[in-house]
Amino acid sequence: RGSYFDVAASSTGNYVIAAAFSAILLSSDYGQHFTNAVNLTNTDKVAISGSGQFMLSVYSSERWHLAYSNNYGASFMLGLGPNTNGTSCTAVAIDTSGTFVVISVLDEGLWTTNNITDPLAWKLTYQTKTYIYEIDFGGTSFYAGYLSSPGYVVQSSDSGYNWTVKGSVSDAITSIAVDSTGVNVLVTTYSGLYLSQDSASSFALIYFILLS
């Protein structure tokens, strides 16, 4: 399929969604085999609920919209998303239950919804001009990382409606992953891997990348 841009898995790992160059690919056997779910250009961010029932991807047209499935990827609804003038969507995450969704819109911040089928339900809940490139959900919170130096992490413990600045790392955050407890938060940067074991309050460098 050419380039792959993002991948997400259900809590058990059996359901996997991947963003390829021009399609959304799905697996129900722990990533051993993939099928083409829907053809979409300019899709590079995906998310999945804990059970795998709810899946979504962001894609670009005149505005950023969503491809959304509530039936384990059997079918997708297109064209959902906030009514925003933002230039692009840079990240997406969904909570374990599949109810709450957060996306990052460049030059605007974080948008949150509790009803993915209603475009009017979206709310701009965290305003920032700083590039937020990654969002993840773990435990009972959403976590988002700044693509800036230093790279700050913000956390929402109320389903994405209010955000708190937590710890930071020395470099721009390019990806973020949170375990099921929400305690262990792993971020990648251009210079290495950082791990937090206190819900993103502080980070320690665990792997350094030497750039030549």
N, C-alpha and C. Protein backbone atom coordinates (compact mmCIF):
# COMPACT_ATOMS: atom_id res chain seq x y z
N ARG A 1 0.81 -1.20 0.00
CA ARG A 1 0.00 0.00 0.00
C ARG A 1 0.85 1.26 0.00
N GLY A 2 2.16 1.17 -0.09
CA GLY A 2 3.00 2.35 -0.03
C GLY A 2 3.21 2.79 1.41
N SER A 3 3.18 4.09 1.63
CA SER A 3 3.47 4.64 2.95
C SER A 3 2.34 4.38 3.94
N TYR A 4 2.71 4.14 5.19
CA TYR A 4 1.75 4.05 6.30
C TYR A 4 2.04 5.21 7.25
N PHE A 5 0.96 5.88 7.70
CA PHE A 5 1.13 7.11 8.46
C PHE A 5 0.76 6.96 9.94
N ASP A 6 -0.13 6.05 10.27
CA ASP A 6 -0.56 5.91 11.66
C ASP A 6 -1.22 4.55 11.85
N VAL A 7 -1.23 4.07 13.10
CA VAL A 7 -1.84 2.79 13.42
C VAL A 7 -2.37 2.85 14.84
N ALA A 8 -3.49 2.16 15.10
CA ALA A 8 -4.07 2.09 16.44
C ALA A 8 -4.70 0.72 16.62
N ALA A 9 -4.72 0.24 17.87
CA ALA A 9 -5.24 -1.09 18.16
C ALA A 9 -6.21 -1.03 19.33
N SER A 10 -7.15 -1.98 19.37
CA SER A 10 -8.07 -2.10 20.50
C SER A 10 -7.31 -2.55 21.74
N SER A 11 -7.97 -2.58 22.88
CA SER A 11 -7.28 -2.89 24.13
C SER A 11 -6.69 -4.29 24.15
N THR A 12 -7.33 -5.23 23.46
CA THR A 12 -6.80 -6.59 23.39
C THR A 12 -5.82 -6.77 22.25
N GLY A 13 -5.78 -5.83 21.31
CA GLY A 13 -4.86 -5.90 20.20
C GLY A 13 -5.38 -6.62 18.99
N ASN A 14 -6.58 -7.23 19.08
CA ASN A 14 -7.05 -8.00 17.93
C ASN A 14 -7.56 -7.11 16.81
N TYR A 15 -8.19 -5.97 17.13
CA TYR A 15 -8.65 -5.06 16.09
C TYR A 15 -7.60 -3.96 15.88
N VAL A 16 -7.21 -3.77 14.63
CA VAL A 16 -6.19 -2.79 14.29
C VAL A 16 -6.69 -1.96 13.12
N ILE A 17 -6.49 -0.65 13.19
CA ILE A 17 -6.79 0.26 12.09
C ILE A 17 -5.52 0.98 11.70
N ALA A 18 -5.28 1.12 10.40
CA ALA A 18 -4.06 1.75 9.91
C ALA A 18 -4.41 2.74 8.81
N ALA A 19 -3.71 3.86 8.79
CA ALA A 19 -3.85 4.84 7.72
C ALA A 19 -2.73 4.61 6.71
N ALA A 20 -3.12 4.24 5.50
CA ALA A 20 -2.16 4.04 4.43
C ALA A 20 -2.18 5.24 3.49
N PHE A 21 -1.46 5.14 2.39
CA PHE A 21 -1.30 6.29 1.50
C PHE A 21 -2.65 6.79 0.97
N SER A 22 -3.56 5.90 0.64
CA SER A 22 -4.84 6.33 0.06
C SER A 22 -6.01 5.51 0.57
N ALA A 23 -5.88 4.90 1.75
CA ALA A 23 -6.95 4.03 2.23
C ALA A 23 -6.84 3.83 3.73
N ILE A 24 -7.95 3.40 4.33
CA ILE A 24 -7.96 2.92 5.70
C ILE A 24 -7.94 1.40 5.64
N LEU A 25 -7.00 0.78 6.35
CA LEU A 25 -6.85 -0.67 6.36
C LEU A 25 -7.23 -1.20 7.74
N LEU A 26 -7.86 -2.38 7.77
CA LEU A 26 -8.33 -2.97 9.02
C LEU A 26 -7.84 -4.40 9.16
N SER A 27 -7.62 -4.78 10.43
CA SER A 27 -7.29 -6.17 10.76
C SER A 27 -8.09 -6.58 11.98
N SER A 28 -8.58 -7.82 11.98
CA SER A 28 -9.27 -8.38 13.14
C SER A 28 -8.52 -9.58 13.69
N ASP A 29 -7.27 -9.76 13.26
CA ASP A 29 -6.47 -10.90 13.73
C ASP A 29 -5.09 -10.43 14.20
N TYR A 30 -5.10 -9.37 15.02
CA TYR A 30 -3.87 -8.86 15.64
C TYR A 30 -2.85 -8.36 14.62
N GLY A 31 -3.33 -7.88 13.47
CA GLY A 31 -2.44 -7.31 12.48
C GLY A 31 -1.78 -8.30 11.55
N GLN A 32 -2.21 -9.56 11.58
CA GLN A 32 -1.60 -10.55 10.69
C GLN A 32 -2.05 -10.34 9.24
N HIS A 33 -3.31 -9.94 9.07
CA HIS A 33 -3.85 -9.70 7.74
C HIS A 33 -4.67 -8.42 7.76
N PHE A 34 -4.59 -7.64 6.67
CA PHE A 34 -5.34 -6.39 6.56
C PHE A 34 -6.23 -6.40 5.33
N THR A 35 -7.38 -5.75 5.46
CA THR A 35 -8.27 -5.54 4.33
C THR A 35 -8.50 -4.05 4.14
N ASN A 36 -8.82 -3.67 2.92
CA ASN A 36 -9.10 -2.29 2.59
C ASN A 36 -10.52 -1.95 3.02
N ALA A 37 -10.67 -1.05 4.00
CA ALA A 37 -12.00 -0.69 4.50
C ALA A 37 -12.65 0.38 3.64
N VAL A 38 -11.90 1.42 3.32
CA VAL A 38 -12.45 2.52 2.52
C VAL A 38 -11.30 3.28 1.89
N ASN A 39 -11.49 3.74 0.64
CA ASN A 39 -10.47 4.51 -0.04
C ASN A 39 -10.62 5.99 0.32
N LEU A 40 -9.57 6.58 0.89
CA LEU A 40 -9.56 7.98 1.25
C LEU A 40 -8.17 8.54 0.98
N THR A 41 -8.10 9.68 0.32
CA THR A 41 -6.82 10.34 0.16
C THR A 41 -6.60 11.31 1.32
N ASN A 42 -5.35 11.60 1.60
CA ASN A 42 -4.97 12.56 2.63
C ASN A 42 -5.46 12.15 4.02
N THR A 43 -5.47 10.86 4.30
CA THR A 43 -5.79 10.41 5.65
C THR A 43 -4.52 9.92 6.32
N ASP A 44 -4.19 10.49 7.49
CA ASP A 44 -2.94 10.09 8.12
C ASP A 44 -3.03 9.96 9.63
N LYS A 45 -4.23 10.05 10.22
CA LYS A 45 -4.39 9.86 11.65
C LYS A 45 -5.60 8.97 11.90
N VAL A 46 -5.44 7.97 12.78
CA VAL A 46 -6.52 7.03 13.08
C VAL A 46 -6.63 6.84 14.59
N ALA A 47 -7.81 6.36 15.04
CA ALA A 47 -8.03 6.07 16.45
C ALA A 47 -9.06 4.96 16.56
N ILE A 48 -9.08 4.28 17.72
CA ILE A 48 -9.97 3.14 17.92
C ILE A 48 -10.34 3.06 19.40
N SER A 49 -11.58 2.63 19.68
CA SER A 49 -12.02 2.48 21.06
C SER A 49 -11.46 1.20 21.67
N GLY A 50 -11.66 1.03 22.97
CA GLY A 50 -11.11 -0.13 23.65
C GLY A 50 -11.59 -1.45 23.11
N SER A 51 -12.87 -1.54 22.78
CA SER A 51 -13.43 -2.79 22.26
C SER A 51 -13.15 -2.99 20.78
N GLY A 52 -12.81 -1.92 20.08
CA GLY A 52 -12.64 -1.98 18.64
C GLY A 52 -13.90 -1.68 17.86
N GLN A 53 -15.02 -1.48 18.55
CA GLN A 53 -16.28 -1.23 17.85
C GLN A 53 -16.27 0.12 17.15
N PHE A 54 -15.67 1.13 17.77
CA PHE A 54 -15.67 2.48 17.22
C PHE A 54 -14.29 2.80 16.65
N MET A 55 -14.26 3.21 15.39
CA MET A 55 -13.02 3.56 14.72
C MET A 55 -13.21 4.88 13.99
N LEU A 56 -12.14 5.64 13.86
CA LEU A 56 -12.24 6.87 13.09
C LEU A 56 -10.89 7.27 12.52
N SER A 57 -10.98 8.09 11.47
CA SER A 57 -9.80 8.64 10.84
C SER A 57 -10.12 10.05 10.40
N VAL A 58 -9.12 10.92 10.40
CA VAL A 58 -9.31 12.28 9.88
C VAL A 58 -8.78 12.34 8.47
N TYR A 59 -9.49 13.09 7.63
CA TYR A 59 -9.04 13.28 6.26
C TYR A 59 -9.35 14.70 5.82
N SER A 60 -8.75 15.14 4.72
CA SER A 60 -8.78 16.54 4.33
C SER A 60 -9.56 16.75 3.05
N SER A 61 -10.42 17.79 3.08
CA SER A 61 -10.99 18.34 1.86
C SER A 61 -10.88 19.85 1.99
N GLU A 62 -11.97 20.60 1.87
CA GLU A 62 -11.88 22.04 2.15
C GLU A 62 -11.69 22.28 3.64
N ARG A 63 -12.31 21.46 4.46
CA ARG A 63 -12.07 21.46 5.89
C ARG A 63 -11.70 20.04 6.29
N TRP A 64 -11.26 19.89 7.53
CA TRP A 64 -10.98 18.54 8.01
C TRP A 64 -12.25 17.89 8.52
N HIS A 65 -12.46 16.64 8.10
CA HIS A 65 -13.63 15.87 8.49
C HIS A 65 -13.18 14.51 9.01
N LEU A 66 -14.15 13.66 9.31
CA LEU A 66 -13.85 12.35 9.87
C LEU A 66 -14.49 11.24 9.06
N ALA A 67 -13.81 10.12 9.02
CA ALA A 67 -14.41 8.86 8.60
C ALA A 67 -14.64 8.07 9.88
N TYR A 68 -15.88 7.62 10.11
CA TYR A 68 -16.26 7.07 11.41
C TYR A 68 -17.03 5.77 11.24
N SER A 69 -16.68 4.78 12.07
CA SER A 69 -17.38 3.49 12.07
C SER A 69 -17.82 3.13 13.48
N ASN A 70 -19.04 2.64 13.62
CA ASN A 70 -19.52 2.15 14.92
C ASN A 70 -19.83 0.66 14.88
N ASN A 71 -19.29 -0.03 13.86
CA ASN A 71 -19.57 -1.46 13.69
C ASN A 71 -18.31 -2.24 13.34
N TYR A 72 -17.22 -1.95 14.06
CA TYR A 72 -15.95 -2.65 13.92
C TYR A 72 -15.35 -2.51 12.51
N GLY A 73 -15.68 -1.43 11.83
CA GLY A 73 -15.11 -1.18 10.51
C GLY A 73 -15.86 -1.79 9.36
N ALA A 74 -17.05 -2.38 9.62
CA ALA A 74 -17.83 -2.96 8.53
C ALA A 74 -18.26 -1.88 7.54
N SER A 75 -18.52 -0.67 8.02
CA SER A 75 -18.86 0.45 7.16
C SER A 75 -18.42 1.74 7.84
N PHE A 76 -18.20 2.78 7.04
CA PHE A 76 -17.77 4.07 7.56
C PHE A 76 -18.71 5.17 7.08
N MET A 77 -18.99 6.12 7.96
CA MET A 77 -19.71 7.33 7.60
C MET A 77 -18.68 8.42 7.35
N LEU A 78 -18.89 9.24 6.33
CA LEU A 78 -17.94 10.26 5.94
C LEU A 78 -18.52 11.65 6.12
N GLY A 79 -17.63 12.62 6.28
CA GLY A 79 -18.03 14.01 6.27
C GLY A 79 -18.38 14.61 7.61
N LEU A 80 -18.09 13.91 8.71
CA LEU A 80 -18.38 14.44 10.04
C LEU A 80 -17.18 15.22 10.57
N GLY A 81 -17.45 16.18 11.44
CA GLY A 81 -16.36 16.95 12.02
C GLY A 81 -16.80 18.33 12.41
N PRO A 82 -15.96 19.08 13.11
CA PRO A 82 -16.34 20.43 13.54
C PRO A 82 -16.36 21.39 12.37
N ASN A 83 -17.18 22.41 12.47
CA ASN A 83 -17.23 23.48 11.48
C ASN A 83 -16.14 24.48 11.81
N THR A 84 -14.95 24.25 11.28
CA THR A 84 -13.79 25.04 11.64
C THR A 84 -13.08 25.54 10.40
N ASN A 85 -12.44 26.67 10.53
CA ASN A 85 -11.66 27.23 9.44
C ASN A 85 -10.19 26.88 9.55
N GLY A 86 -9.86 26.01 10.49
CA GLY A 86 -8.48 25.59 10.66
C GLY A 86 -7.90 24.97 9.41
N THR A 87 -6.59 25.12 9.24
CA THR A 87 -5.96 24.69 7.99
C THR A 87 -5.83 23.18 7.89
N SER A 88 -5.63 22.49 9.00
CA SER A 88 -5.48 21.04 8.94
C SER A 88 -5.69 20.43 10.31
N CYS A 89 -6.03 19.15 10.33
CA CYS A 89 -6.14 18.38 11.57
C CYS A 89 -4.87 17.58 11.74
N THR A 90 -4.30 17.62 12.94
CA THR A 90 -2.98 17.02 13.14
C THR A 90 -2.99 15.83 14.07
N ALA A 91 -4.11 15.55 14.76
CA ALA A 91 -4.16 14.43 15.69
C ALA A 91 -5.61 14.10 16.01
N VAL A 92 -5.85 12.85 16.43
CA VAL A 92 -7.19 12.43 16.81
C VAL A 92 -7.07 11.33 17.85
N ALA A 93 -8.02 11.30 18.81
CA ALA A 93 -8.06 10.24 19.81
C ALA A 93 -9.50 10.02 20.23
N ILE A 94 -9.79 8.82 20.68
CA ILE A 94 -11.12 8.45 21.15
C ILE A 94 -10.97 7.75 22.50
N ASP A 95 -11.93 7.93 23.39
CA ASP A 95 -11.81 7.30 24.70
C ASP A 95 -12.14 5.81 24.61
N THR A 96 -11.94 5.11 25.72
CA THR A 96 -12.11 3.65 25.73
C THR A 96 -13.52 3.24 25.34
N SER A 97 -14.52 3.99 25.79
CA SER A 97 -15.91 3.63 25.52
C SER A 97 -16.34 3.94 24.10
N GLY A 98 -15.61 4.81 23.41
CA GLY A 98 -15.98 5.22 22.07
C GLY A 98 -16.95 6.38 22.04
N THR A 99 -17.16 7.05 23.18
CA THR A 99 -18.12 8.15 23.26
C THR A 99 -17.49 9.49 22.96
N PHE A 100 -16.33 9.77 23.54
CA PHE A 100 -15.71 11.09 23.45
C PHE A 100 -14.54 11.06 22.47
N VAL A 101 -14.48 12.09 21.63
CA VAL A 101 -13.43 12.21 20.62
C VAL A 101 -12.78 13.57 20.74
N VAL A 102 -11.46 13.61 20.62
CA VAL A 102 -10.71 14.86 20.63
C VAL A 102 -9.86 14.92 19.36
N ILE A 103 -9.88 16.06 18.68
CA ILE A 103 -8.98 16.27 17.55
C ILE A 103 -8.21 17.57 17.76
N SER A 104 -7.05 17.64 17.12
CA SER A 104 -6.24 18.84 17.15
C SER A 104 -6.32 19.52 15.79
N VAL A 105 -6.63 20.81 15.79
CA VAL A 105 -6.69 21.59 14.56
C VAL A 105 -5.60 22.65 14.59
N LEU A 106 -4.79 22.68 13.55
CA LEU A 106 -3.66 23.59 13.48
C LEU A 106 -4.13 25.04 13.60
N ASP A 107 -3.42 25.80 14.43
CA ASP A 107 -3.68 27.21 14.68
C ASP A 107 -4.93 27.48 15.51
N GLU A 108 -5.61 26.43 15.99
CA GLU A 108 -6.80 26.62 16.80
C GLU A 108 -6.68 25.94 18.16
N GLY A 109 -6.35 24.66 18.17
CA GLY A 109 -6.24 23.92 19.42
C GLY A 109 -6.99 22.61 19.37
N LEU A 110 -7.58 22.23 20.50
CA LEU A 110 -8.24 20.93 20.63
C LEU A 110 -9.76 21.10 20.61
N TRP A 111 -10.40 20.29 19.76
CA TRP A 111 -11.85 20.23 19.67
C TRP A 111 -12.33 18.91 20.28
N THR A 112 -13.46 18.94 20.98
CA THR A 112 -13.99 17.77 21.69
C THR A 112 -15.47 17.60 21.37
N THR A 113 -15.90 16.33 21.28
CA THR A 113 -17.31 16.03 21.09
C THR A 113 -17.71 14.81 21.89
N ASN A 114 -18.98 14.76 22.27
CA ASN A 114 -19.55 13.56 22.89
C ASN A 114 -20.61 12.93 22.00
N ASN A 115 -20.69 13.42 20.74
CA ASN A 115 -21.64 12.88 19.77
C ASN A 115 -21.04 13.03 18.39
N ILE A 116 -20.33 12.01 17.96
CA ILE A 116 -19.59 12.07 16.71
C ILE A 116 -20.51 12.22 15.50
N THR A 117 -21.79 11.87 15.64
CA THR A 117 -22.71 11.95 14.50
C THR A 117 -23.34 13.34 14.35
N ASP A 118 -23.05 14.25 15.27
CA ASP A 118 -23.62 15.59 15.23
C ASP A 118 -22.51 16.62 15.09
N PRO A 119 -22.32 17.23 13.91
CA PRO A 119 -21.25 18.22 13.74
C PRO A 119 -21.39 19.42 14.68
N LEU A 120 -22.60 19.72 15.16
CA LEU A 120 -22.81 20.86 16.05
C LEU A 120 -22.41 20.57 17.49
N ALA A 121 -22.10 19.32 17.80
CA ALA A 121 -21.73 18.95 19.17
C ALA A 121 -20.27 19.24 19.49
N TRP A 122 -19.48 19.59 18.48
CA TRP A 122 -18.06 19.88 18.72
C TRP A 122 -17.89 21.18 19.47
N LYS A 123 -16.91 21.20 20.40
CA LYS A 123 -16.57 22.40 21.15
C LYS A 123 -15.05 22.59 21.13
N LEU A 124 -14.62 23.83 20.92
CA LEU A 124 -13.20 24.16 21.03
C LEU A 124 -12.86 24.28 22.51
N THR A 125 -12.18 23.28 23.05
CA THR A 125 -11.99 23.19 24.51
C THR A 125 -10.61 23.61 24.97
N TYR A 126 -9.66 23.74 24.05
CA TYR A 126 -8.31 24.17 24.44
C TYR A 126 -7.71 24.95 23.28
N GLN A 127 -7.55 26.24 23.46
CA GLN A 127 -7.05 27.10 22.40
C GLN A 127 -5.55 27.28 22.50
N THR A 128 -4.86 27.03 21.40
CA THR A 128 -3.41 27.24 21.34
C THR A 128 -2.99 27.34 19.88
N LYS A 129 -2.00 28.19 19.62
CA LYS A 129 -1.40 28.29 18.29
C LYS A 129 -0.26 27.29 18.13
N THR A 130 0.15 26.69 19.24
CA THR A 130 1.24 25.72 19.19
C THR A 130 0.76 24.43 18.54
N TYR A 131 1.60 23.85 17.74
CA TYR A 131 1.29 22.64 16.98
C TYR A 131 1.16 21.45 17.93
N ILE A 132 -0.03 20.88 18.07
CA ILE A 132 -0.25 19.65 18.83
C ILE A 132 -0.36 18.52 17.82
N TYR A 133 0.63 17.63 17.83
CA TYR A 133 0.77 16.61 16.78
C TYR A 133 0.22 15.25 17.19
N GLU A 134 0.08 15.00 18.51
CA GLU A 134 -0.36 13.69 18.96
C GLU A 134 -1.31 13.80 20.15
N ILE A 135 -2.32 12.92 20.18
CA ILE A 135 -3.25 12.79 21.31
C ILE A 135 -3.44 11.29 21.57
N ASP A 136 -3.56 10.92 22.84
CA ASP A 136 -3.86 9.53 23.17
C ASP A 136 -4.75 9.51 24.42
N PHE A 137 -5.40 8.38 24.65
CA PHE A 137 -6.27 8.20 25.82
C PHE A 137 -5.77 7.02 26.62
N GLY A 138 -5.72 7.20 27.95
CA GLY A 138 -5.35 6.10 28.83
C GLY A 138 -5.90 6.31 30.22
N GLY A 139 -6.34 5.25 30.86
CA GLY A 139 -6.96 5.37 32.17
C GLY A 139 -8.29 6.09 32.05
N THR A 140 -8.36 7.30 32.60
CA THR A 140 -9.57 8.12 32.49
C THR A 140 -9.28 9.47 31.86
N SER A 141 -8.15 9.60 31.14
CA SER A 141 -7.73 10.91 30.66
C SER A 141 -7.25 10.87 29.22
N PHE A 142 -7.44 12.03 28.55
CA PHE A 142 -6.77 12.30 27.29
C PHE A 142 -5.46 13.01 27.58
N TYR A 143 -4.44 12.73 26.76
CA TYR A 143 -3.15 13.40 26.84
C TYR A 143 -2.78 13.89 25.44
N ALA A 144 -2.26 15.11 25.36
CA ALA A 144 -1.84 15.68 24.08
C ALA A 144 -0.46 16.27 24.23
N GLY A 145 0.35 16.18 23.16
CA GLY A 145 1.73 16.63 23.22
C GLY A 145 2.03 17.73 22.22
N TYR A 146 2.80 18.73 22.66
CA TYR A 146 3.17 19.87 21.82
C TYR A 146 4.37 19.53 20.92
N LEU A 147 4.26 19.90 19.66
CA LEU A 147 5.40 19.80 18.75
C LEU A 147 6.19 21.11 18.83
N SER A 148 6.83 21.29 20.00
CA SER A 148 7.58 22.51 20.26
C SER A 148 8.73 22.17 21.19
N SER A 149 9.64 23.10 21.37
CA SER A 149 10.77 22.90 22.29
C SER A 149 10.73 23.97 23.37
N PRO A 150 10.49 23.61 24.64
CA PRO A 150 10.22 22.24 25.10
C PRO A 150 8.85 21.73 24.65
N GLY A 151 8.69 20.41 24.72
CA GLY A 151 7.42 19.80 24.35
C GLY A 151 6.57 19.54 25.58
N TYR A 152 5.52 20.32 25.73
CA TYR A 152 4.65 20.18 26.89
C TYR A 152 3.56 19.14 26.64
N VAL A 153 3.10 18.51 27.72
CA VAL A 153 1.97 17.59 27.68
C VAL A 153 0.81 18.22 28.43
N VAL A 154 -0.38 18.17 27.82
CA VAL A 154 -1.59 18.64 28.50
C VAL A 154 -2.51 17.44 28.72
N GLN A 155 -3.27 17.47 29.80
CA GLN A 155 -4.11 16.35 30.20
C GLN A 155 -5.54 16.83 30.46
N SER A 156 -6.50 16.02 30.05
CA SER A 156 -7.90 16.26 30.40
C SER A 156 -8.44 15.02 31.09
N SER A 157 -8.94 15.19 32.29
CA SER A 157 -9.53 14.08 33.04
C SER A 157 -11.06 14.13 33.03
N ASP A 158 -11.63 15.05 32.23
CA ASP A 158 -13.09 15.14 32.13
C ASP A 158 -13.56 15.01 30.68
N SER A 159 -12.99 14.00 30.01
CA SER A 159 -13.42 13.62 28.65
C SER A 159 -13.09 14.67 27.60
N GLY A 160 -12.10 15.51 27.85
CA GLY A 160 -11.62 16.43 26.84
C GLY A 160 -12.18 17.83 26.91
N TYR A 161 -12.89 18.17 27.98
CA TYR A 161 -13.53 19.48 28.05
C TYR A 161 -12.73 20.52 28.81
N ASN A 162 -11.82 20.10 29.68
CA ASN A 162 -10.92 21.00 30.38
C ASN A 162 -9.52 20.38 30.40
N TRP A 163 -8.52 21.23 30.25
CA TRP A 163 -7.15 20.73 30.09
C TRP A 163 -6.21 21.39 31.09
N THR A 164 -5.21 20.60 31.52
CA THR A 164 -4.20 21.06 32.47
C THR A 164 -2.82 20.79 31.89
N VAL A 165 -1.95 21.79 31.96
CA VAL A 165 -0.56 21.59 31.53
C VAL A 165 0.16 20.74 32.56
N LYS A 166 0.78 19.67 32.09
CA LYS A 166 1.51 18.76 32.98
C LYS A 166 3.02 18.96 32.82
N GLY A 167 3.77 17.87 32.66
CA GLY A 167 5.22 17.98 32.52
C GLY A 167 5.64 18.28 31.10
N SER A 168 6.95 18.34 30.89
CA SER A 168 7.49 18.64 29.57
C SER A 168 8.77 17.86 29.34
N VAL A 169 9.15 17.78 28.07
CA VAL A 169 10.44 17.20 27.66
C VAL A 169 11.18 18.26 26.88
N SER A 170 12.46 18.03 26.64
CA SER A 170 13.31 19.09 26.08
C SER A 170 13.08 19.35 24.61
N ASP A 171 12.45 18.40 23.92
CA ASP A 171 12.32 18.47 22.47
C ASP A 171 10.85 18.36 22.07
N ALA A 172 10.58 18.59 20.80
CA ALA A 172 9.22 18.51 20.27
C ALA A 172 8.69 17.08 20.35
N ILE A 173 7.43 16.94 20.77
CA ILE A 173 6.81 15.62 20.90
C ILE A 173 6.21 15.20 19.56
N THR A 174 6.68 14.06 19.05
CA THR A 174 6.21 13.56 17.75
C THR A 174 5.19 12.44 17.88
N SER A 175 5.14 11.77 19.03
CA SER A 175 4.10 10.77 19.27
C SER A 175 3.94 10.58 20.77
N ILE A 176 2.78 10.05 21.17
CA ILE A 176 2.49 9.85 22.58
C ILE A 176 1.67 8.58 22.73
N ALA A 177 1.98 7.79 23.75
CA ALA A 177 1.24 6.56 24.03
C ALA A 177 1.04 6.45 25.54
N VAL A 178 -0.17 6.06 25.93
CA VAL A 178 -0.54 5.97 27.33
C VAL A 178 -1.06 4.57 27.62
N ASP A 179 -0.66 3.98 28.74
CA ASP A 179 -1.14 2.64 29.07
C ASP A 179 -2.57 2.70 29.61
N SER A 180 -3.15 1.54 29.87
CA SER A 180 -4.56 1.46 30.25
C SER A 180 -4.84 2.06 31.62
N THR A 181 -3.81 2.25 32.45
CA THR A 181 -4.00 2.86 33.76
C THR A 181 -3.92 4.38 33.71
N GLY A 182 -3.31 4.91 32.65
CA GLY A 182 -3.08 6.35 32.56
C GLY A 182 -1.89 6.82 33.37
N VAL A 183 -1.16 5.92 33.97
CA VAL A 183 -0.01 6.27 34.81
C VAL A 183 1.26 6.38 33.97
N ASN A 184 1.47 5.44 33.09
CA ASN A 184 2.69 5.41 32.28
C ASN A 184 2.44 6.07 30.93
N VAL A 185 3.20 7.12 30.66
CA VAL A 185 3.06 7.89 29.44
C VAL A 185 4.40 7.91 28.72
N LEU A 186 4.42 7.44 27.49
CA LEU A 186 5.64 7.38 26.69
C LEU A 186 5.53 8.38 25.55
N VAL A 187 6.53 9.23 25.38
CA VAL A 187 6.54 10.16 24.26
C VAL A 187 7.83 9.99 23.47
N THR A 188 7.72 10.21 22.18
CA THR A 188 8.90 10.23 21.32
C THR A 188 9.17 11.66 20.89
N THR A 189 10.43 11.97 20.72
CA THR A 189 10.87 13.27 20.24
C THR A 189 11.91 13.04 19.15
N TYR A 190 12.39 14.14 18.56
CA TYR A 190 13.44 14.02 17.56
C TYR A 190 14.74 13.51 18.16
N SER A 191 14.89 13.64 19.47
CA SER A 191 16.15 13.27 20.10
C SER A 191 16.09 11.99 20.92
N GLY A 192 14.88 11.44 21.18
CA GLY A 192 14.82 10.21 21.95
C GLY A 192 13.45 9.91 22.52
N LEU A 193 13.42 8.92 23.43
CA LEU A 193 12.19 8.48 24.08
C LEU A 193 12.19 8.94 25.53
N TYR A 194 11.04 9.44 25.98
CA TYR A 194 10.88 9.88 27.36
C TYR A 194 9.71 9.13 27.99
N LEU A 195 9.89 8.73 29.24
CA LEU A 195 8.87 7.98 29.95
C LEU A 195 8.45 8.72 31.22
N SER A 196 7.14 8.81 31.43
CA SER A 196 6.60 9.30 32.69
C SER A 196 5.89 8.15 33.40
N GLN A 197 6.12 8.04 34.68
CA GLN A 197 5.43 7.04 35.49
C GLN A 197 4.54 7.69 36.54
N ASP A 198 4.20 8.96 36.30
CA ASP A 198 3.31 9.69 37.20
C ASP A 198 2.28 10.52 36.43
N SER A 199 1.72 9.91 35.39
CA SER A 199 0.65 10.54 34.59
C SER A 199 1.08 11.85 33.97
N ALA A 200 2.30 11.87 33.44
CA ALA A 200 2.84 12.99 32.67
C ALA A 200 3.25 14.19 33.51
N SER A 201 3.36 14.01 34.83
CA SER A 201 3.83 15.11 35.67
C SER A 201 5.32 15.36 35.49
N SER A 202 6.09 14.29 35.26
CA SER A 202 7.53 14.41 35.03
C SER A 202 7.96 13.31 34.07
N PHE A 203 9.07 13.55 33.38
CA PHE A 203 9.56 12.61 32.37
C PHE A 203 11.05 12.35 32.57
N ALA A 204 11.46 11.14 32.20
CA ALA A 204 12.87 10.77 32.22
C ALA A 204 13.26 10.26 30.84
N LEU A 205 14.41 10.69 30.36
CA LEU A 205 14.94 10.20 29.08
C LEU A 205 15.37 8.75 29.24
N ILE A 206 14.79 7.86 28.43
CA ILE A 206 15.14 6.44 28.53
C ILE A 206 15.86 5.92 27.31
N TYR A 207 15.84 6.70 26.20
CA TYR A 207 16.57 6.27 25.00
C TYR A 207 16.94 7.50 24.22
N PHE A 208 18.23 7.67 23.97
CA PHE A 208 18.73 8.85 23.27
C PHE A 208 19.05 8.49 21.83
N ILE A 209 18.58 9.33 20.90
CA ILE A 209 18.87 9.14 19.49
C ILE A 209 19.97 10.10 19.09
N LEU A 210 21.09 9.57 18.61
CA LEU A 210 22.20 10.39 18.18
C LEU A 210 22.04 10.68 16.69
N LEU A 211 21.76 11.93 16.37
CA LEU A 211 21.57 12.32 14.97
C LEU A 211 22.90 12.68 14.36
N SER A 212 23.18 12.09 13.20
CA SER A 212 24.45 12.36 12.51
C SER A 212 24.30 13.48 11.51
